[in-house]
Amino acid sequence: MSAGGRQSTVGGNALAKVSVNGTHLEAQMGALLSSVILPHHALEMPCAGYGRCGKCRVVARGALSALSDAEREHLSPQDISRGVRLACCARVEGDCTVTLEGAAASQIRLAGEMPDFVHDPIFSVCGAAVDIGTTTLASCLYGPDGTLLAQASAPNPQAGWGADVISRIEAALHGSGDALAASVRAGVRALVLEMAASAHISAEAVDALVITGNTAMLYLLTQTDPDCLSHAPFAASRLFGETLAAGELGLPCPHAQVYLPRCMSAFVGADITTALLASGICSKPDTRMLVDIGTNGEIALWHRGQLSCCSTAAGPAFEGAGLSMGMAGKTGAVDHVRVQDGALQAHVIGGGAPKGICGSGVIDALACLLELEQLDETGLLEQDPAPVAPPVCLTQKDVRMVQLAKSAICAGLRTLLRVEGLCGADAAELAVAGGFGSYLDVDSAGHIGLLPEELVPRVRVLGNAALSGAAMLLLNRGFIPRSEALAAGARTVDLSTSAEFMNAYTEGMFF
């Protein structure tokens, strides 16, 4: 018997007792802590469990494997003395207790504003709109007159398989497809139950849902084989615009109908279809653009009645992932930075001591370092690491990661314009969608070159427009054929073969 205590057995295999935040579980001997935790709790693992990022920290005591090399690299002596382990490295060798730290909810804004429209809902009693974001799940519950009854959000539980869609597609192709589907379905189910409880109704009263998301997220939700999304020519085998029974997705309203909006291509998803609907830019006579700044940056251009779209892999830097002290926008994160009396002044979500820095804070910090001439146009730091709000700092490696991400977004915007023979001055508006965009300081974004400076005065921040658009489909059935026609008629620009993009990308690396 292990030093951890008495174990039960199943089929002759020893099981250890593992308590996670008070939840009592059983685990196979030798199981990684991450595999024990993930089915029950969200866990930040942007490197997909390879021990590279050091984000999956938990406090664990009991019978566990010896510290790995990765843990010794990422954990300080103080961390080790108080029992901090990396969940992707530590293995169960007997009974143990695990405490998840930093459980404060992320700072998430739900649906943004919607234009006025006549209500003709696709439901009778109440309906739910859900946005499956790569990082966050967000949802709203409505009555037939458009009254917002409840809202809820949570981290996307698929984060344990990686922070970006490519990591999750690879995981699905290597045997984790069922687990990925189960995790996100459980996440959506939990949101529906939470909203129903808040509205004091039975979850079975929900008789329709609209679930939007990027193409990969909808593939993983529906257990559609994502192989076609993993290699050239990236031709999606399924673009949705379909209605399913909620019972097929394991939702607590089995008789409800679930509408999945149409995607445009393998990497321009239903989230952009619904965001465009909410933005209203495709009903305008002049040239307008929309960008969803996130792990998978999606961009749309409306010009002379034609919709053109592209996708650019910005990576997870804007979500705080992959940075040395990056974190989600939750309590303890530096979310805004200003120059005051020649020094950096940081705002920390929730007050108190800073624990890390989220995407909006990183963009502000870089803009301030440029202003103070502590960062040059090539991205070289005068001091490495550069203090932001001690102990929070930015390293040279962090700066390089952000350079790649911001260049990808800006180059995508410029390329889409140049394909049509346009420049930034020709666009009457740039609509910025996505939860991240809600917190973005537009001037900082222009200063560091995330957005073309000529478009900064024309920016309109939408918030979570994907969720707003999903709600519009829920509340007026006439928007469904309109959105499907818009998506079907969109022209997709492949940036991977575009010389224009490569030129703009190289230019965009500079600050």
Protein backbone atom coordinates (compact mmCIF):
# COMPACT_ATOMS: atom_id res chain seq x y z
CA MET A 1 0.00 0.00 0.00
CA SER A 2 1.32 3.45 -0.93
CA ALA A 3 2.24 6.03 1.69
CA GLY A 4 -0.84 7.95 0.57
CA GLY A 5 -3.16 5.64 2.52
CA ARG A 6 -5.62 2.87 1.72
CA GLN A 7 -6.76 2.56 -1.88
CA SER A 8 -9.80 0.89 -3.37
CA THR A 9 -9.50 -1.36 -6.41
CA VAL A 10 -11.43 -1.77 -9.64
CA GLY A 11 -10.71 -4.83 -11.72
CA GLY A 12 -7.55 -5.38 -9.74
CA ASN A 13 -6.26 -1.88 -10.45
CA ALA A 14 -5.57 0.30 -7.41
CA LEU A 15 -7.48 3.57 -7.16
CA ALA A 16 -6.34 6.52 -5.08
CA LYS A 17 -8.63 9.02 -3.37
CA VAL A 18 -8.10 12.54 -4.66
CA SER A 19 -9.89 15.55 -3.15
CA VAL A 20 -10.05 18.54 -5.54
CA ASN A 21 -11.42 21.72 -3.94
CA GLY A 22 -13.51 19.51 -1.67
CA THR A 23 -14.79 17.26 -4.47
CA HIS A 24 -13.90 13.65 -3.67
CA LEU A 25 -12.71 11.68 -6.69
CA GLU A 26 -10.97 8.41 -7.45
CA ALA A 27 -8.02 8.15 -9.80
CA GLN A 28 -5.88 5.43 -11.29
CA MET A 29 -2.44 5.14 -9.77
CA GLY A 30 0.02 6.99 -12.01
CA ALA A 31 -2.63 9.32 -13.48
CA LEU A 32 -1.60 12.89 -14.16
CA LEU A 33 -3.32 15.39 -11.86
CA SER A 34 -4.52 17.26 -14.96
CA SER A 35 -6.42 14.20 -16.19
CA VAL A 36 -8.11 13.92 -12.79
CA ILE A 37 -9.01 17.61 -12.54
CA LEU A 38 -10.15 18.44 -16.08
CA PRO A 39 -13.41 16.48 -16.22
CA HIS A 40 -14.62 18.40 -13.17
CA HIS A 41 -12.89 21.80 -13.08
CA ALA A 42 -11.47 24.31 -15.57
CA LEU A 43 -7.69 24.31 -15.63
CA GLU A 44 -5.47 26.76 -17.49
CA MET A 45 -3.13 24.75 -19.76
CA PRO A 46 -2.28 26.86 -22.82
CA CYS A 47 0.66 24.60 -23.77
CA ALA A 48 -1.74 21.60 -23.95
CA GLY A 49 -0.05 19.84 -21.04
CA TYR A 50 3.51 19.67 -22.34
CA GLY A 51 5.02 21.37 -19.27
CA ARG A 52 6.17 24.42 -21.20
CA CYS A 53 4.01 27.26 -19.88
CA GLY A 54 3.86 26.65 -16.13
CA LYS A 55 0.26 27.92 -15.92
CA CYS A 56 -1.47 24.79 -14.52
CA ARG A 57 -0.34 25.44 -10.95
CA VAL A 58 -2.20 23.75 -8.13
CA VAL A 59 -1.42 23.23 -4.45
CA ALA A 60 -1.20 19.48 -3.94
CA ARG A 61 -0.25 17.44 -0.89
CA GLY A 62 -0.09 13.72 -0.36
CA ALA A 63 1.30 10.82 -2.35
CA LEU A 64 2.57 12.35 -5.58
CA SER A 65 5.46 11.74 -7.96
CA ALA A 66 8.76 13.53 -7.42
CA LEU A 67 9.20 17.01 -8.89
CA SER A 68 9.86 16.91 -12.62
CA ASP A 69 12.50 18.96 -14.44
CA ALA A 70 9.72 21.18 -15.86
CA GLU A 71 8.41 21.87 -12.36
CA ARG A 72 11.87 22.77 -11.08
CA GLU A 73 12.21 25.18 -13.99
CA HIS A 74 8.84 26.93 -13.50
CA LEU A 75 8.42 26.84 -9.71
CA SER A 76 10.31 28.99 -7.23
CA PRO A 77 11.64 27.55 -3.93
CA GLN A 78 8.77 29.38 -2.18
CA ASP A 79 6.23 27.74 -4.52
CA ILE A 80 7.72 24.31 -3.87
CA SER A 81 7.75 24.82 -0.09
CA ARG A 82 4.01 25.54 -0.04
CA GLY A 83 3.16 22.51 -2.18
CA VAL A 84 2.67 24.05 -5.62
CA ARG A 85 2.80 21.51 -8.46
CA LEU A 86 2.17 21.59 -12.20
CA ALA A 87 -0.94 19.50 -12.86
CA CYS A 88 0.39 18.35 -16.23
CA CYS A 89 3.53 16.89 -14.58
CA ALA A 90 2.56 15.57 -11.14
CA ARG A 91 1.28 11.98 -11.01
CA VAL A 92 -0.95 10.37 -8.41
CA GLU A 93 0.86 7.74 -6.32
CA GLY A 94 -1.71 7.51 -3.54
CA ASP A 95 -4.32 9.57 -1.72
CA CYS A 96 -3.84 13.32 -2.06
CA THR A 97 -5.55 16.69 -1.71
CA VAL A 98 -5.55 19.34 -4.44
CA THR A 99 -6.51 23.00 -4.15
CA LEU A 100 -7.12 25.07 -7.27
CA GLU A 101 -5.98 28.64 -6.77
CA GLY A 102 -7.08 31.77 -8.59
CA ALA A 103 -10.64 30.53 -8.93
CA ALA A 104 -12.01 34.08 -9.23
CA ALA A 105 -14.21 34.43 -12.30
CA SER A 106 -12.66 35.98 -15.36
CA GLN A 107 -13.70 39.48 -16.28
CA ILE A 108 -16.14 38.74 -19.08
CA ARG A 109 -18.60 41.04 -20.77
CA LEU A 110 -21.48 39.16 -22.29
CA ALA A 111 -23.65 40.21 -25.23
CA GLY A 112 -23.00 43.65 -26.64
CA GLU A 113 -25.60 46.03 -27.99
CA MET A 114 -28.06 44.91 -30.65
CA PRO A 115 -29.81 47.10 -33.22
CA ASP A 116 -33.57 47.56 -32.91
CA PHE A 117 -35.60 44.88 -34.67
CA VAL A 118 -39.05 43.28 -34.57
CA HIS A 119 -39.24 40.17 -32.41
CA ASP A 120 -40.40 36.99 -34.11
CA PRO A 121 -38.66 34.37 -31.96
CA ILE A 122 -37.91 30.78 -32.90
CA PHE A 123 -39.04 29.68 -29.41
CA SER A 124 -42.26 29.79 -27.40
CA VAL A 125 -41.29 29.96 -23.71
CA CYS A 126 -37.64 30.93 -23.52
CA GLY A 127 -34.52 30.58 -25.65
CA ALA A 128 -30.78 30.63 -25.08
CA ALA A 129 -27.98 32.14 -27.16
CA VAL A 130 -24.52 30.64 -26.60
CA ASP A 131 -21.10 31.67 -27.90
CA ILE A 132 -18.45 28.95 -27.74
CA GLY A 133 -15.28 30.99 -27.76
CA THR A 134 -11.86 29.39 -27.85
CA THR A 135 -11.20 30.80 -24.37
CA THR A 136 -14.66 31.57 -22.95
CA LEU A 137 -18.23 30.26 -23.06
CA ALA A 138 -20.86 33.02 -22.83
CA SER A 139 -24.64 32.74 -22.85
CA CYS A 140 -27.89 34.68 -22.45
CA LEU A 141 -31.44 33.52 -21.76
CA TYR A 142 -34.37 35.44 -23.28
CA GLY A 143 -38.13 35.58 -23.03
CA PRO A 144 -40.23 35.78 -26.26
CA ASP A 145 -40.58 39.57 -25.92
CA GLY A 146 -36.78 39.93 -25.93
CA THR A 147 -36.44 40.36 -22.17
CA LEU A 148 -33.04 39.23 -20.92
CA LEU A 149 -33.86 36.69 -18.20
CA ALA A 150 -30.36 35.60 -17.21
CA GLN A 151 -26.79 35.38 -18.42
CA ALA A 152 -23.80 33.22 -17.54
CA SER A 153 -20.23 32.64 -18.61
CA ALA A 154 -17.35 30.30 -17.85
CA PRO A 155 -13.91 29.37 -19.16
CA ASN A 156 -14.01 26.95 -22.08
CA PRO A 157 -13.20 23.61 -20.42
CA GLN A 158 -11.35 22.48 -23.55
CA ALA A 159 -8.44 24.73 -22.49
CA GLY A 160 -6.84 21.66 -20.95
CA TRP A 161 -6.08 20.45 -24.48
CA GLY A 162 -4.40 23.72 -25.48
CA ALA A 163 -5.10 27.44 -25.71
CA ASP A 164 -5.55 27.52 -29.49
CA VAL A 165 -7.72 25.69 -32.02
CA ILE A 166 -4.79 23.95 -33.71
CA SER A 167 -3.77 22.22 -30.46
CA ARG A 168 -7.34 21.02 -29.94
CA ILE A 169 -7.73 19.79 -33.51
CA GLU A 170 -4.48 17.83 -33.10
CA ALA A 171 -5.75 16.41 -29.79
CA ALA A 172 -9.02 15.35 -31.44
CA LEU A 173 -7.12 13.63 -34.25
CA HIS A 174 -5.05 11.72 -31.71
CA GLY A 175 -7.90 10.14 -29.77
CA SER A 176 -9.30 12.95 -27.60
CA GLY A 177 -12.27 13.88 -29.80
CA ASP A 178 -14.85 12.31 -27.50
CA ALA A 179 -13.34 13.94 -24.42
CA LEU A 180 -13.22 17.36 -26.12
CA ALA A 181 -16.88 17.07 -27.14
CA ALA A 182 -17.92 15.88 -23.69
CA SER A 183 -16.11 18.74 -21.97
CA VAL A 184 -17.64 21.54 -24.04
CA ARG A 185 -21.10 19.95 -23.95
CA ALA A 186 -20.82 19.77 -20.16
CA GLY A 187 -19.80 23.43 -20.15
CA VAL A 188 -22.82 24.49 -22.22
CA ARG A 189 -25.09 22.28 -20.11
CA ALA A 190 -23.82 23.96 -16.93
CA LEU A 191 -24.54 27.41 -18.38
CA VAL A 192 -28.11 26.47 -19.31
CA LEU A 193 -28.74 25.04 -15.83
CA GLU A 194 -27.22 28.13 -14.19
CA MET A 195 -29.34 30.52 -16.25
CA ALA A 196 -32.52 28.49 -15.67
CA ALA A 197 -31.89 28.56 -11.92
CA SER A 198 -31.27 32.33 -12.02
CA ALA A 199 -34.53 32.84 -13.93
CA HIS A 200 -36.42 30.48 -11.57
CA ILE A 201 -37.56 28.21 -14.38
CA SER A 202 -37.00 24.59 -15.30
CA ALA A 203 -34.21 24.00 -17.80
CA GLU A 204 -36.70 21.94 -19.81
CA ALA A 205 -38.63 25.19 -20.47
CA VAL A 206 -35.84 26.23 -22.85
CA ASP A 207 -37.26 25.23 -26.22
CA ALA A 208 -34.63 26.66 -28.60
CA LEU A 209 -30.95 27.52 -28.59
CA VAL A 210 -28.61 29.22 -31.04
CA ILE A 211 -25.00 28.15 -30.52
CA THR A 212 -22.32 30.08 -32.40
CA GLY A 213 -18.54 29.70 -32.48
CA ASN A 214 -15.63 29.41 -34.85
CA THR A 215 -15.60 26.49 -37.26
CA ALA A 216 -13.28 24.33 -35.15
CA MET A 217 -15.34 24.87 -31.99
CA LEU A 218 -18.52 23.72 -33.77
CA TYR A 219 -16.71 20.68 -35.20
CA LEU A 220 -15.53 19.67 -31.72
CA LEU A 221 -19.00 20.30 -30.23
CA THR A 222 -20.71 18.08 -32.80
CA GLN A 223 -17.91 15.47 -33.00
CA THR A 224 -17.38 16.23 -36.67
CA ASP A 225 -14.05 14.84 -37.90
CA PRO A 226 -11.72 17.88 -37.95
CA ASP A 227 -9.12 16.30 -40.23
CA CYS A 228 -10.09 18.63 -43.08
CA LEU A 229 -9.20 21.60 -40.86
CA SER A 230 -5.71 20.28 -40.15
CA HIS A 231 -4.08 20.37 -43.59
CA ALA A 232 -4.16 22.12 -46.95
CA PRO A 233 -6.33 22.97 -48.76
CA PHE A 234 -8.32 23.49 -45.48
CA ALA A 235 -11.63 22.78 -47.20
CA ALA A 236 -14.31 22.46 -44.54
CA SER A 237 -16.49 19.38 -45.04
CA ARG A 238 -19.30 20.90 -42.99
CA LEU A 239 -20.28 24.57 -42.76
CA PHE A 240 -23.43 24.12 -40.63
CA GLY A 241 -26.51 26.33 -40.93
CA GLU A 242 -28.22 23.31 -39.37
CA THR A 243 -30.77 22.48 -36.69
CA LEU A 244 -30.16 19.62 -34.23
CA ALA A 245 -32.05 18.20 -31.28
CA ALA A 246 -30.62 19.41 -27.96
CA GLY A 247 -30.67 15.84 -26.71
CA GLU A 248 -27.96 14.98 -29.27
CA LEU A 249 -25.66 17.37 -27.44
CA GLY A 250 -26.55 16.17 -23.95
CA LEU A 251 -28.29 19.41 -22.98
CA PRO A 252 -30.80 19.55 -20.10
CA CYS A 253 -33.63 20.54 -22.47
CA PRO A 254 -33.65 17.43 -24.69
CA HIS A 255 -36.68 18.42 -26.75
CA ALA A 256 -35.35 21.86 -27.66
CA GLN A 257 -34.05 22.66 -31.13
CA VAL A 258 -30.46 23.86 -31.49
CA TYR A 259 -29.57 26.05 -34.47
CA LEU A 260 -25.89 26.21 -35.47
CA PRO A 261 -25.32 29.25 -37.75
CA ARG A 262 -23.47 28.88 -41.02
CA CYS A 263 -19.70 29.25 -41.15
CA MET A 264 -17.91 30.87 -44.09
CA SER A 265 -14.83 28.66 -44.34
CA ALA A 266 -12.53 26.40 -42.35
CA PHE A 267 -11.19 29.30 -40.30
CA VAL A 268 -13.87 31.98 -40.65
CA GLY A 269 -16.65 30.65 -38.52
CA ALA A 270 -20.24 31.16 -37.45
CA ASP A 271 -19.03 33.61 -34.81
CA ILE A 272 -18.14 36.07 -37.58
CA THR A 273 -21.46 35.42 -39.32
CA THR A 274 -23.34 36.36 -36.16
CA ALA A 275 -20.96 39.24 -35.31
CA LEU A 276 -21.57 40.74 -38.76
CA LEU A 277 -25.31 40.47 -38.22
CA ALA A 278 -25.03 42.35 -34.92
CA SER A 279 -22.66 44.97 -36.35
CA GLY A 280 -24.99 45.90 -39.19
CA ILE A 281 -22.05 46.80 -41.43
CA CYS A 282 -23.37 44.72 -44.33
CA SER A 283 -26.45 46.92 -44.58
CA LYS A 284 -24.34 50.04 -45.17
CA PRO A 285 -23.58 51.56 -48.58
CA ASP A 286 -19.96 52.44 -47.80
CA THR A 287 -16.82 50.39 -47.10
CA ARG A 288 -16.60 48.94 -43.59
CA MET A 289 -14.54 46.34 -41.73
CA LEU A 290 -14.92 44.04 -38.74
CA VAL A 291 -12.20 42.28 -36.77
CA ASP A 292 -12.46 39.79 -33.94
CA ILE A 293 -9.16 40.04 -32.09
CA GLY A 294 -8.41 36.74 -30.40
CA THR A 295 -6.42 33.55 -30.68
CA ASN A 296 -7.82 33.08 -34.19
CA GLY A 297 -8.11 36.60 -35.60
CA GLU A 298 -11.03 36.76 -38.05
CA ILE A 299 -11.48 39.77 -40.34
CA ALA A 300 -14.28 40.85 -42.69
CA LEU A 301 -14.47 43.60 -45.32
CA TRP A 302 -17.75 44.89 -46.76
CA HIS A 303 -17.15 46.78 -50.03
CA ARG A 304 -19.62 47.51 -52.83
CA GLY A 305 -22.02 44.82 -51.70
CA GLN A 306 -19.38 42.09 -51.53
CA LEU A 307 -18.20 40.45 -48.29
CA SER A 308 -14.57 39.29 -48.13
CA CYS A 309 -13.10 37.48 -45.15
CA CYS A 310 -9.84 36.09 -43.90
CA SER A 311 -8.37 34.47 -40.82
CA THR A 312 -4.96 35.02 -39.31
CA ALA A 313 -3.38 32.97 -36.55
CA ALA A 314 -2.49 35.55 -33.91
CA GLY A 315 -1.91 32.96 -31.19
CA PRO A 316 -2.98 33.21 -27.55
CA ALA A 317 -0.85 36.21 -26.49
CA PHE A 318 -3.87 38.55 -26.41
CA GLU A 319 -5.54 36.13 -23.98
CA GLY A 320 -2.45 36.37 -21.74
CA ALA A 321 -1.43 32.81 -22.57
CA GLY A 322 2.17 31.96 -23.39
CA LEU A 323 3.56 35.11 -21.76
CA SER A 324 5.93 34.72 -18.81
CA MET A 325 3.46 36.37 -16.40
CA GLY A 326 0.39 36.30 -18.62
CA MET A 327 -3.04 35.41 -17.27
CA ALA A 328 -6.71 35.78 -18.11
CA GLY A 329 -8.51 39.02 -17.27
CA LYS A 330 -9.44 38.10 -13.72
CA THR A 331 -8.69 39.23 -10.18
CA GLY A 332 -5.02 40.08 -9.81
CA ALA A 333 -4.39 40.79 -13.50
CA VAL A 334 -2.89 44.09 -14.66
CA ASP A 335 -5.44 45.20 -17.25
CA HIS A 336 -4.47 48.81 -17.94
CA VAL A 337 -1.20 50.75 -17.76
CA ARG A 338 -0.53 54.50 -18.04
CA VAL A 339 2.48 56.80 -17.86
CA GLN A 340 2.32 59.13 -14.88
CA ASP A 341 5.21 61.39 -13.85
CA GLY A 342 7.57 59.49 -16.10
CA ALA A 343 6.76 56.07 -14.64
CA LEU A 344 4.33 53.23 -15.33
CA GLN A 345 1.13 53.22 -13.29
CA ALA A 346 -0.86 49.98 -13.45
CA HIS A 347 -4.48 49.14 -12.70
CA VAL A 348 -5.11 45.71 -11.18
CA ILE A 349 -8.47 43.96 -11.53
CA GLY A 350 -10.00 43.66 -8.08
CA GLY A 351 -7.31 45.83 -6.48
CA GLY A 352 -4.58 44.37 -4.36
CA ALA A 353 -1.22 43.01 -5.40
CA PRO A 354 -0.71 42.16 -9.09
CA LYS A 355 -0.35 38.48 -9.96
CA GLY A 356 0.09 38.71 -13.72
CA ILE A 357 -0.90 40.66 -16.80
CA CYS A 358 -3.75 40.10 -19.29
CA GLY A 359 -3.92 41.04 -22.97
CA SER A 360 -5.21 44.61 -22.63
CA GLY A 361 -2.56 45.28 -19.99
CA VAL A 362 0.22 43.99 -22.25
CA ILE A 363 -0.85 46.27 -25.11
CA ASP A 364 -0.99 49.29 -22.79
CA ALA A 365 2.37 48.39 -21.23
CA LEU A 366 4.10 48.16 -24.61
CA ALA A 367 2.59 51.48 -25.71
CA CYS A 368 3.87 53.09 -22.50
CA LEU A 369 7.34 51.58 -22.86
CA LEU A 370 7.48 53.01 -26.38
CA GLU A 371 6.45 56.42 -25.04
CA LEU A 372 9.18 56.27 -22.39
CA GLU A 373 11.70 55.12 -25.03
CA GLN A 374 12.35 51.95 -23.04
CA LEU A 375 11.33 49.90 -26.08
CA ASP A 376 12.62 50.65 -29.58
CA GLU A 377 10.91 50.25 -32.95
CA THR A 378 12.47 46.82 -33.49
CA GLY A 379 10.99 45.54 -30.22
CA LEU A 380 14.23 45.61 -28.23
CA LEU A 381 13.77 46.27 -24.52
CA GLU A 382 16.14 48.67 -22.81
CA GLN A 383 15.85 46.51 -19.68
CA ASP A 384 15.04 42.80 -19.79
CA PRO A 385 12.79 42.03 -18.03
CA ALA A 386 10.97 45.36 -18.00
CA PRO A 387 9.08 46.02 -14.73
CA VAL A 388 5.40 46.84 -15.20
CA ALA A 389 3.92 46.49 -11.71
CA PRO A 390 6.40 44.51 -9.58
CA PRO A 391 6.58 41.58 -9.44
CA VAL A 392 4.85 41.66 -12.85
CA CYS A 393 7.19 42.32 -15.76
CA LEU A 394 7.55 41.74 -19.49
CA THR A 395 10.48 39.82 -20.93
CA GLN A 396 12.10 40.16 -24.34
CA LYS A 397 10.52 36.84 -25.28
CA ASP A 398 7.09 38.23 -24.33
CA VAL A 399 7.62 41.24 -26.58
CA ARG A 400 8.59 39.02 -29.52
CA MET A 401 5.44 36.92 -29.03
CA VAL A 402 3.24 40.03 -29.05
CA GLN A 403 5.06 41.34 -32.14
CA LEU A 404 4.09 38.19 -34.02
CA ALA A 405 0.47 38.44 -32.85
CA LYS A 406 -0.07 42.13 -33.50
CA SER A 407 1.62 41.92 -36.88
CA ALA A 408 -0.69 39.07 -37.92
CA ILE A 409 -3.83 41.10 -37.09
CA CYS A 410 -2.64 44.35 -38.68
CA ALA A 411 -1.32 42.55 -41.78
CA GLY A 412 -4.64 40.75 -42.19
CA LEU A 413 -6.52 44.06 -42.10
CA ARG A 414 -4.16 45.70 -44.59
CA THR A 415 -4.12 42.70 -46.94
CA LEU A 416 -7.89 42.47 -47.13
CA LEU A 417 -7.99 46.15 -48.05
CA ARG A 418 -5.17 45.87 -50.62
CA VAL A 419 -6.84 42.90 -52.35
CA GLU A 420 -9.67 45.29 -53.19
CA GLY A 421 -7.28 48.08 -54.16
CA LEU A 422 -8.11 49.98 -50.96
CA CYS A 423 -6.24 51.50 -48.04
CA GLY A 424 -7.27 52.24 -44.45
CA ALA A 425 -8.47 55.71 -45.35
CA ASP A 426 -11.16 54.16 -47.59
CA ALA A 427 -12.92 52.39 -44.72
CA ALA A 428 -15.65 54.38 -42.98
CA GLU A 429 -15.55 52.14 -39.90
CA LEU A 430 -13.62 49.36 -38.20
CA ALA A 431 -15.89 47.37 -35.87
CA VAL A 432 -13.91 45.55 -33.18
CA ALA A 433 -15.67 42.44 -31.88
CA GLY A 434 -14.88 39.92 -29.17
CA GLY A 435 -14.60 40.00 -25.40
CA PHE A 436 -10.96 41.09 -25.61
CA GLY A 437 -11.89 44.07 -27.74
CA SER A 438 -14.21 45.30 -24.97
CA TYR A 439 -11.20 46.10 -22.78
CA LEU A 440 -8.82 47.23 -25.49
CA ASP A 441 -7.48 50.78 -25.35
CA VAL A 442 -7.79 51.69 -29.02
CA ASP A 443 -5.08 54.37 -28.86
CA SER A 444 -2.61 51.87 -27.37
CA ALA A 445 -3.54 49.37 -30.08
CA GLY A 446 -2.78 51.95 -32.75
CA HIS A 447 0.46 53.02 -31.06
CA ILE A 448 1.95 49.51 -31.07
CA GLY A 449 0.66 48.68 -34.56
CA LEU A 450 -2.02 46.15 -33.65
CA LEU A 451 -4.51 48.28 -35.60
CA PRO A 452 -3.60 50.54 -38.55
CA GLU A 453 -3.28 54.05 -37.10
CA GLU A 454 -5.42 55.57 -39.84
CA LEU A 455 -8.33 53.35 -38.72
CA VAL A 456 -8.07 54.17 -35.00
CA PRO A 457 -10.40 57.23 -35.17
CA ARG A 458 -13.01 55.06 -36.92
CA VAL A 459 -13.10 52.20 -34.44
CA ARG A 460 -16.43 51.13 -32.95
CA VAL A 461 -16.13 48.63 -30.10
CA LEU A 462 -18.94 46.04 -30.24
CA GLY A 463 -18.23 43.78 -27.26
CA ASN A 464 -19.26 40.16 -27.78
CA ALA A 465 -20.98 40.72 -31.12
CA ALA A 466 -20.97 36.98 -31.87
CA LEU A 467 -23.28 36.41 -28.89
CA SER A 468 -25.41 39.44 -29.79
CA GLY A 469 -25.87 38.10 -33.30
CA ALA A 470 -26.79 34.65 -31.98
CA ALA A 471 -29.45 36.35 -29.84
CA MET A 472 -30.80 38.12 -32.93
CA LEU A 473 -31.18 34.77 -34.73
CA LEU A 474 -32.99 33.48 -31.66
CA LEU A 475 -35.34 36.47 -31.43
CA ASN A 476 -36.19 36.91 -35.12
CA ARG A 477 -36.44 33.89 -37.40
CA GLY A 478 -36.12 36.12 -40.46
CA PHE A 479 -32.45 36.75 -39.67
CA ILE A 480 -31.61 33.07 -40.20
CA PRO A 481 -31.95 32.96 -44.02
CA ARG A 482 -30.37 36.41 -44.24
CA SER A 483 -27.29 35.30 -42.27
CA GLU A 484 -27.00 32.06 -44.27
CA ALA A 485 -27.08 33.97 -47.55
CA LEU A 486 -24.44 36.38 -46.25
CA ALA A 487 -22.13 33.54 -45.21
CA ALA A 488 -22.69 31.59 -48.43
CA GLY A 489 -21.83 34.63 -50.55
CA ALA A 490 -18.65 35.53 -48.69
CA ARG A 491 -15.35 35.37 -50.52
CA THR A 492 -12.50 33.91 -48.47
CA VAL A 493 -8.99 35.29 -48.98
CA ASP A 494 -6.25 32.73 -48.28
CA LEU A 495 -3.49 34.66 -46.53
CA SER A 496 -1.09 31.71 -46.54
CA THR A 497 -0.51 32.13 -50.28
CA SER A 498 -0.67 35.92 -50.35
CA ALA A 499 2.51 37.87 -51.13
CA GLU A 500 0.64 40.99 -49.99
CA PHE A 501 0.14 39.44 -46.57
CA MET A 502 3.78 38.42 -46.17
CA ASN A 503 4.91 41.94 -47.07
CA ALA A 504 2.43 43.52 -44.65
CA TYR A 505 3.34 40.99 -41.96
CA THR A 506 7.03 41.86 -42.23
CA GLU A 507 6.24 45.59 -42.10
CA GLY A 508 3.96 45.06 -39.12
CA MET A 509 6.69 43.52 -36.96
CA PHE A 510 8.02 46.99 -36.20
CA PHE A 511 6.55 49.27 -33.54
